Amino acid sequence: LSDKLLPEFWLAYINSAFVSWYVYNFVYARAIRTMDFYNFYIQQIPIPQKALEKSNQKEITSLVEKIHTAVQSNNYLSNVEKQAQVKEYERQIDHLVYELYGLTKDEITIVENSGER
C-alpha cells in the first residue's frame, strides 16, 4: 500500500484533522496505559480507496509543496501573512481528506469541533 501513496500525500494525510480525530477517538482512546505510535497503530487508520488515485494525491501534494516553500522562506516566522496562508493550505488539505471519505457537513462539524487536534 505504501508504494501507492506519495510521501507528501502521506505527510499531509497523517497530519490532517480527520486522521488526528480518528486516531484520538479510535486508537488512543483504546490504548492501555500508554500509546506509542507503532506501525500497528498506523495500520489501524483506514485509507479510502479514492486516496490510491494519483489525481487525488496530486491535489494534496501540491498543497504540501506550497506549505514547504512558505515555511522554508527566511521570514516565515515573522511574516503573519505567510503563516495565515499556510493555515489556509492546511484547511484545504483537511477538506480534501474529508472528500476522500465522503464526509457530510455534519460529520465534518463533529471532527472540527472535537478539540482533539
C-alpha atoms as a PDB file:
ATOM      1  CA  LEU A   1       0.000   0.000   0.000  1.00  0.00           C
ATOM      2  CA  SER A   2       2.785   2.432   0.888  1.00  0.00           C
ATOM      3  CA  ASP A   3       4.183   2.139  -2.634  1.00  0.00           C
ATOM      4  CA  LYS A   4       0.871   3.526  -3.944  1.00  0.00           C
ATOM      5  CA  LEU A   5       0.958   6.631  -1.744  1.00  0.00           C
ATOM      6  CA  LEU A   6       3.260   9.557  -2.441  1.00  0.00           C
ATOM      7  CA  PRO A   7       5.378  10.579   0.597  1.00  0.00           C
ATOM      8  CA  GLU A   8       3.994  14.123   0.527  1.00  0.00           C
ATOM      9  CA  PHE A   9       0.451  12.729   0.491  1.00  0.00           C
ATOM     10  CA  TRP A  10       1.267  10.517   3.500  1.00  0.00           C
ATOM     11  CA  LEU A  11       2.653  13.523   5.357  1.00  0.00           C
ATOM     12  CA  ALA A  12      -0.477  15.587   4.778  1.00  0.00           C
ATOM     13  CA  TYR A  13      -2.833  12.682   5.369  1.00  0.00           C
ATOM     14  CA  ILE A  14      -1.318  11.656   8.720  1.00  0.00           C
ATOM     15  CA  ASN A  15      -1.398  15.298   9.875  1.00  0.00           C
ATOM     16  CA  SER A  16      -4.944  16.018   8.701  1.00  0.00           C
ATOM     17  CA  ALA A  17      -7.732  16.950  11.090  1.00  0.00           C
ATOM     18  CA  PHE A  18      -9.662  13.783  10.260  1.00  0.00           C
ATOM     19  CA  VAL A  19      -6.783  11.398  10.932  1.00  0.00           C
ATOM     20  CA  SER A  20      -5.934  13.250  14.151  1.00  0.00           C
ATOM     21  CA  TRP A  21      -9.569  12.916  15.237  1.00  0.00           C
ATOM     22  CA  TYR A  22      -9.725   9.271  14.197  1.00  0.00           C
ATOM     23  CA  VAL A  23      -6.519   8.308  15.987  1.00  0.00           C
ATOM     24  CA  TYR A  24      -7.586  10.105  19.160  1.00  0.00           C
ATOM     25  CA  ASN A  25     -11.052   8.541  19.219  1.00  0.00           C
ATOM     26  CA  PHE A  26     -10.401   5.054  17.886  1.00  0.00           C
ATOM     27  CA  VAL A  27      -6.764   4.273  18.614  1.00  0.00           C
ATOM     28  CA  TYR A  28      -5.581   6.371  21.550  1.00  0.00           C
ATOM     29  CA  ALA A  29      -8.884   6.012  23.447  1.00  0.00           C
ATOM     30  CA  ARG A  30      -8.449   2.227  23.386  1.00  0.00           C
ATOM     31  CA  ALA A  31      -4.801   2.201  24.433  1.00  0.00           C
ATOM     32  CA  ILE A  32      -3.938   0.704  27.773  1.00  0.00           C
ATOM     33  CA  ARG A  33      -1.747   2.969  29.968  1.00  0.00           C
ATOM     34  CA  THR A  34       0.301   4.353  27.095  1.00  0.00           C
ATOM     35  CA  MET A  35       0.320   4.579  23.355  1.00  0.00           C
ATOM     36  CA  ASP A  36       3.462   4.741  21.333  1.00  0.00           C
ATOM     37  CA  PHE A  37       2.798   5.341  17.672  1.00  0.00           C
ATOM     38  CA  TYR A  38       3.902   1.923  16.443  1.00  0.00           C
ATOM     39  CA  ASN A  39       3.292   0.583  12.961  1.00  0.00           C
ATOM     40  CA  PHE A  40       0.387  -1.465  14.395  1.00  0.00           C
ATOM     41  CA  TYR A  41      -1.484   1.727  15.243  1.00  0.00           C
ATOM     42  CA  ILE A  42      -0.762   3.344  11.902  1.00  0.00           C
ATOM     43  CA  GLN A  43      -2.216   0.278  10.196  1.00  0.00           C
ATOM     44  CA  GLN A  44      -5.472   0.866  12.072  1.00  0.00           C
ATOM     45  CA  ILE A  45      -6.073   4.143  10.211  1.00  0.00           C
ATOM     46  CA  PRO A  46      -8.368   3.413   7.264  1.00  0.00           C
ATOM     47  CA  ILE A  47      -7.261   4.673   3.879  1.00  0.00           C
ATOM     48  CA  PRO A  48     -10.130   5.257   1.460  1.00  0.00           C
ATOM     49  CA  GLN A  49      -9.879   3.674  -1.968  1.00  0.00           C
ATOM     50  CA  LYS A  50     -10.064   7.129  -3.562  1.00  0.00           C
ATOM     51  CA  ALA A  51      -6.756   8.016  -1.895  1.00  0.00           C
ATOM     52  CA  LEU A  52      -4.980   5.490  -4.083  1.00  0.00           C
ATOM     53  CA  GLU A  53      -5.844   7.504  -7.194  1.00  0.00           C
ATOM     54  CA  LYS A  54      -2.855   9.642  -8.162  1.00  0.00           C
ATOM     55  CA  SER A  55      -5.117  12.551  -9.181  1.00  0.00           C
ATOM     56  CA  ASN A  56      -6.469  12.810  -5.625  1.00  0.00           C
ATOM     57  CA  GLN A  57      -2.964  12.607  -4.207  1.00  0.00           C
ATOM     58  CA  LYS A  58      -1.661  15.290  -6.580  1.00  0.00           C
ATOM     59  CA  GLU A  59      -4.047  17.936  -5.245  1.00  0.00           C
ATOM     60  CA  ILE A  60      -2.852  17.319  -1.722  1.00  0.00           C
ATOM     61  CA  THR A  61       0.841  17.033  -2.602  1.00  0.00           C
ATOM     62  CA  SER A  62       0.635  20.333  -4.459  1.00  0.00           C
ATOM     63  CA  LEU A  63      -0.547  21.990  -1.239  1.00  0.00           C
ATOM     64  CA  VAL A  64       2.229  20.272   0.731  1.00  0.00           C
ATOM     65  CA  GLU A  65       4.776  21.725  -1.682  1.00  0.00           C
ATOM     66  CA  LYS A  66       3.276  25.202  -1.211  1.00  0.00           C
ATOM     67  CA  ILE A  67       3.487  24.807   2.556  1.00  0.00           C
ATOM     68  CA  HIS A  68       7.078  23.633   2.309  1.00  0.00           C
ATOM     69  CA  THR A  69       8.032  26.622   0.162  1.00  0.00           C
ATOM     70  CA  ALA A  70       6.359  29.058   2.561  1.00  0.00           C
ATOM     71  CA  VAL A  71       7.903  27.687   5.745  1.00  0.00           C
ATOM     72  CA  GLN A  72      11.381  27.497   4.199  1.00  0.00           C
ATOM     73  CA  SER A  73      11.415  31.218   3.446  1.00  0.00           C
ATOM     74  CA  ASN A  74      13.704  33.351   5.605  1.00  0.00           C
ATOM     75  CA  ASN A  75      10.932  35.492   7.041  1.00  0.00           C
ATOM     76  CA  TYR A  76       8.267  32.816   7.683  1.00  0.00           C
ATOM     77  CA  LEU A  77       8.386  33.103  11.484  1.00  0.00           C
ATOM     78  CA  SER A  78       7.898  36.863  11.379  1.00  0.00           C
ATOM     79  CA  ASN A  79       5.536  37.008   8.395  1.00  0.00           C
ATOM     80  CA  VAL A  80       1.938  36.784   9.591  1.00  0.00           C
ATOM     81  CA  GLU A  81       0.604  36.660   6.031  1.00  0.00           C
ATOM     82  CA  LYS A  82       2.702  33.590   5.168  1.00  0.00           C
ATOM     83  CA  GLN A  83       1.642  31.898   8.387  1.00  0.00           C
ATOM     84  CA  ALA A  84      -2.003  32.599   7.583  1.00  0.00           C
ATOM     85  CA  GLN A  85      -1.512  31.233   4.072  1.00  0.00           C
ATOM     86  CA  VAL A  86      -0.045  28.007   5.488  1.00  0.00           C
ATOM     87  CA  LYS A  87      -3.087  27.671   7.776  1.00  0.00           C
ATOM     88  CA  GLU A  88      -5.302  28.091   4.715  1.00  0.00           C
ATOM     89  CA  TYR A  89      -3.367  25.387   2.841  1.00  0.00           C
ATOM     90  CA  GLU A  90      -3.771  23.093   5.863  1.00  0.00           C
ATOM     91  CA  ARG A  91      -7.516  23.798   5.882  1.00  0.00           C
ATOM     92  CA  GLN A  92      -7.692  22.944   2.182  1.00  0.00           C
ATOM     93  CA  ILE A  93      -5.875  19.659   2.836  1.00  0.00           C
ATOM     94  CA  ASP A  94      -8.335  18.837   5.613  1.00  0.00           C
ATOM     95  CA  HIS A  95     -11.250  19.393   3.251  1.00  0.00           C
ATOM     96  CA  LEU A  96      -9.668  17.267   0.536  1.00  0.00           C
ATOM     97  CA  VAL A  97      -9.261  14.453   3.079  1.00  0.00           C
ATOM     98  CA  TYR A  98     -12.915  14.864   4.099  1.00  0.00           C
ATOM     99  CA  GLU A  99     -13.835  14.479   0.425  1.00  0.00           C
ATOM    100  CA  LEU A 100     -11.815  11.264   0.188  1.00  0.00           C
ATOM    101  CA  TYR A 101     -14.014   9.824   2.928  1.00  0.00           C
ATOM    102  CA  GLY A 102     -17.211  11.386   1.612  1.00  0.00           C
ATOM    103  CA  LEU A 103     -17.945  13.061   4.946  1.00  0.00           C
ATOM    104  CA  THR A 104     -21.135  15.078   5.291  1.00  0.00           C
ATOM    105  CA  LYS A 105     -21.207  18.638   6.653  1.00  0.00           C
ATOM    106  CA  ASP A 106     -22.468  17.289   9.989  1.00  0.00           C
ATOM    107  CA  GLU A 107     -19.616  14.772  10.182  1.00  0.00           C
ATOM    108  CA  ILE A 108     -17.070  17.473   9.317  1.00  0.00           C
ATOM    109  CA  THR A 109     -18.513  19.619  12.104  1.00  0.00           C
ATOM    110  CA  ILE A 110     -18.017  16.765  14.580  1.00  0.00           C
ATOM    111  CA  VAL A 111     -14.375  16.370  13.545  1.00  0.00           C
ATOM    112  CA  GLU A 112     -13.611  20.085  13.561  1.00  0.00           C
ATOM    113  CA  ASN A 113     -15.378  20.791  16.853  1.00  0.00           C
ATOM    114  CA  SER A 114     -13.876  17.862  18.727  1.00  0.00           C
ATOM    115  CA  GLY A 115     -10.970  19.939  20.020  1.00  0.00           C
ATOM    116  CA  GLU A 116      -8.789  16.822  19.882  1.00  0.00           C
ATOM    117  CA  ARG A 117      -6.275  18.145  17.441  1.00  0.00           C
END
